[in-house]
Amino acid sequence: MSASKGSVRIELTPAQRELVRKATGKDTEALELNVEELEERIAPAMARPGPKFQG
């Protein structure tokens, strides 16, 4: 994974490449997201409350 100029590039494994090809019909070696796209995907997951701990 590398970052430059406000973007993140995630290199895919061969298995991940195959999953993307089957799902989209396109070949790819990596996913590239800019900072805004990455925040949109991460922030909602962090804001969700988890199950309450019953001790």
N, C-alpha and C. Protein backbone atom coordinates (compact mmCIF):
# COMPACT_ATOMS: atom_id res chain seq x y z
N MET A 1 0.86 -1.16 0.00
CA MET A 1 0.00 0.00 0.00
C MET A 1 0.90 1.23 0.00
N SER A 2 0.61 2.18 -0.83
CA SER A 2 1.38 3.41 -0.86
C SER A 2 0.45 4.60 -0.91
N ALA A 3 0.94 5.75 -0.42
CA ALA A 3 0.13 6.97 -0.42
C ALA A 3 0.94 8.11 -1.01
N SER A 4 0.30 8.92 -1.85
CA SER A 4 0.96 10.10 -2.38
C SER A 4 -0.10 11.08 -2.84
N LYS A 5 0.16 12.38 -2.60
CA LYS A 5 -0.74 13.44 -3.05
C LYS A 5 -2.18 13.23 -2.61
N GLY A 6 -2.40 12.77 -1.38
CA GLY A 6 -3.74 12.64 -0.86
C GLY A 6 -4.50 11.44 -1.37
N SER A 7 -3.82 10.44 -1.89
CA SER A 7 -4.50 9.23 -2.34
C SER A 7 -3.83 8.00 -1.76
N VAL A 8 -4.57 6.91 -1.73
CA VAL A 8 -4.08 5.65 -1.21
C VAL A 8 -4.21 4.59 -2.28
N ARG A 9 -3.15 3.83 -2.50
CA ARG A 9 -3.17 2.75 -3.49
C ARG A 9 -2.95 1.45 -2.74
N ILE A 10 -3.88 0.52 -2.91
CA ILE A 10 -3.81 -0.78 -2.26
C ILE A 10 -3.61 -1.84 -3.33
N GLU A 11 -2.45 -2.48 -3.30
CA GLU A 11 -2.15 -3.54 -4.26
C GLU A 11 -2.97 -4.79 -3.91
N LEU A 12 -3.55 -5.43 -4.90
CA LEU A 12 -4.38 -6.61 -4.69
C LEU A 12 -3.57 -7.89 -4.85
N THR A 13 -3.96 -8.90 -4.08
CA THR A 13 -3.36 -10.22 -4.24
C THR A 13 -3.98 -10.88 -5.48
N PRO A 14 -3.37 -11.94 -5.98
CA PRO A 14 -3.98 -12.64 -7.12
C PRO A 14 -5.42 -13.10 -6.83
N ALA A 15 -5.68 -13.56 -5.62
CA ALA A 15 -7.04 -14.00 -5.27
C ALA A 15 -8.02 -12.82 -5.29
N GLN A 16 -7.59 -11.67 -4.78
CA GLN A 16 -8.44 -10.48 -4.78
C GLN A 16 -8.68 -10.00 -6.21
N ARG A 17 -7.64 -10.07 -7.05
CA ARG A 17 -7.79 -9.68 -8.45
C ARG A 17 -8.85 -10.54 -9.14
N GLU A 18 -8.84 -11.83 -8.84
CA GLU A 18 -9.81 -12.75 -9.44
C GLU A 18 -11.23 -12.42 -8.97
N LEU A 19 -11.40 -12.10 -7.69
CA LEU A 19 -12.72 -11.72 -7.18
C LEU A 19 -13.24 -10.47 -7.86
N VAL A 20 -12.37 -9.47 -8.05
CA VAL A 20 -12.76 -8.24 -8.73
C VAL A 20 -13.14 -8.55 -10.17
N ARG A 21 -12.34 -9.39 -10.85
CA ARG A 21 -12.63 -9.74 -12.24
C ARG A 21 -13.98 -10.43 -12.37
N LYS A 22 -14.27 -11.36 -11.45
CA LYS A 22 -15.55 -12.07 -11.49
C LYS A 22 -16.72 -11.14 -11.21
N ALA A 23 -16.53 -10.19 -10.29
CA ALA A 23 -17.62 -9.29 -9.91
C ALA A 23 -17.87 -8.18 -10.92
N THR A 24 -16.79 -7.72 -11.59
CA THR A 24 -16.94 -6.55 -12.46
C THR A 24 -16.65 -6.84 -13.92
N GLY A 25 -15.98 -7.96 -14.19
CA GLY A 25 -15.57 -8.24 -15.56
C GLY A 25 -14.34 -7.46 -15.98
N LYS A 26 -13.70 -6.78 -15.02
CA LYS A 26 -12.52 -5.97 -15.33
C LYS A 26 -11.31 -6.49 -14.58
N ASP A 27 -10.15 -6.38 -15.21
CA ASP A 27 -8.90 -6.75 -14.56
C ASP A 27 -8.30 -5.53 -13.89
N THR A 28 -7.76 -5.71 -12.69
CA THR A 28 -7.12 -4.61 -11.98
C THR A 28 -6.01 -5.14 -11.09
N GLU A 29 -5.01 -4.34 -10.86
CA GLU A 29 -3.91 -4.72 -10.00
C GLU A 29 -3.99 -4.05 -8.64
N ALA A 30 -4.75 -2.95 -8.55
CA ALA A 30 -4.80 -2.20 -7.30
C ALA A 30 -6.08 -1.38 -7.22
N LEU A 31 -6.43 -0.97 -6.01
CA LEU A 31 -7.51 -0.03 -5.77
C LEU A 31 -6.88 1.29 -5.40
N GLU A 32 -7.40 2.37 -5.95
CA GLU A 32 -6.90 3.70 -5.63
C GLU A 32 -8.05 4.56 -5.14
N LEU A 33 -7.89 5.13 -3.96
CA LEU A 33 -8.90 6.00 -3.37
C LEU A 33 -8.25 7.30 -2.96
N ASN A 34 -8.97 8.42 -3.16
CA ASN A 34 -8.46 9.67 -2.63
C ASN A 34 -8.87 9.76 -1.16
N VAL A 35 -8.34 10.72 -0.46
CA VAL A 35 -8.58 10.83 0.98
C VAL A 35 -10.07 10.94 1.29
N GLU A 36 -10.81 11.72 0.50
CA GLU A 36 -12.25 11.89 0.74
C GLU A 36 -12.99 10.57 0.58
N GLU A 37 -12.68 9.81 -0.47
CA GLU A 37 -13.34 8.51 -0.68
C GLU A 37 -13.02 7.56 0.46
N LEU A 38 -11.78 7.57 0.89
CA LEU A 38 -11.37 6.68 1.97
C LEU A 38 -12.09 7.04 3.27
N GLU A 39 -12.18 8.33 3.59
CA GLU A 39 -12.88 8.76 4.80
C GLU A 39 -14.35 8.37 4.76
N GLU A 40 -14.99 8.50 3.59
CA GLU A 40 -16.41 8.14 3.46
C GLU A 40 -16.63 6.66 3.77
N ARG A 41 -15.66 5.84 3.43
CA ARG A 41 -15.81 4.40 3.65
C ARG A 41 -15.43 4.00 5.07
N ILE A 42 -14.51 4.72 5.70
CA ILE A 42 -14.05 4.37 7.04
C ILE A 42 -14.92 4.98 8.12
N ALA A 43 -15.24 6.26 8.02
CA ALA A 43 -15.95 6.98 9.07
C ALA A 43 -17.29 6.34 9.45
N PRO A 44 -18.14 5.94 8.50
CA PRO A 44 -19.41 5.32 8.90
C PRO A 44 -19.20 4.04 9.71
N ALA A 45 -18.20 3.27 9.40
CA ALA A 45 -17.94 2.03 10.14
C ALA A 45 -17.49 2.32 11.56
N MET A 46 -16.76 3.39 11.76
CA MET A 46 -16.28 3.74 13.09
C MET A 46 -17.39 4.34 13.94
N ALA A 47 -18.39 4.93 13.32
CA ALA A 47 -19.45 5.62 14.06
C ALA A 47 -20.55 4.68 14.53
N ARG A 48 -20.59 3.48 13.99
CA ARG A 48 -21.64 2.53 14.37
C ARG A 48 -21.40 1.99 15.77
N PRO A 49 -22.42 2.02 16.62
CA PRO A 49 -22.24 1.43 17.95
C PRO A 49 -22.21 -0.08 17.87
N GLY A 50 -21.36 -0.68 18.63
CA GLY A 50 -21.27 -2.14 18.67
C GLY A 50 -22.21 -2.68 19.73
N PRO A 51 -22.25 -4.00 19.87
CA PRO A 51 -23.11 -4.59 20.91
C PRO A 51 -22.59 -4.20 22.29
N LYS A 52 -23.52 -4.02 23.20
CA LYS A 52 -23.13 -3.65 24.57
C LYS A 52 -22.53 -4.84 25.27
N PHE A 53 -21.51 -4.55 26.05
CA PHE A 53 -20.83 -5.60 26.80
C PHE A 53 -21.67 -5.99 27.99
N GLN A 54 -21.93 -7.26 28.11
CA GLN A 54 -22.67 -7.81 29.25
C GLN A 54 -21.70 -8.59 30.12
N GLY A 55 -21.27 -8.04 31.24
CA GLY A 55 -20.26 -8.69 32.05
C GLY A 55 -20.78 -9.26 33.24
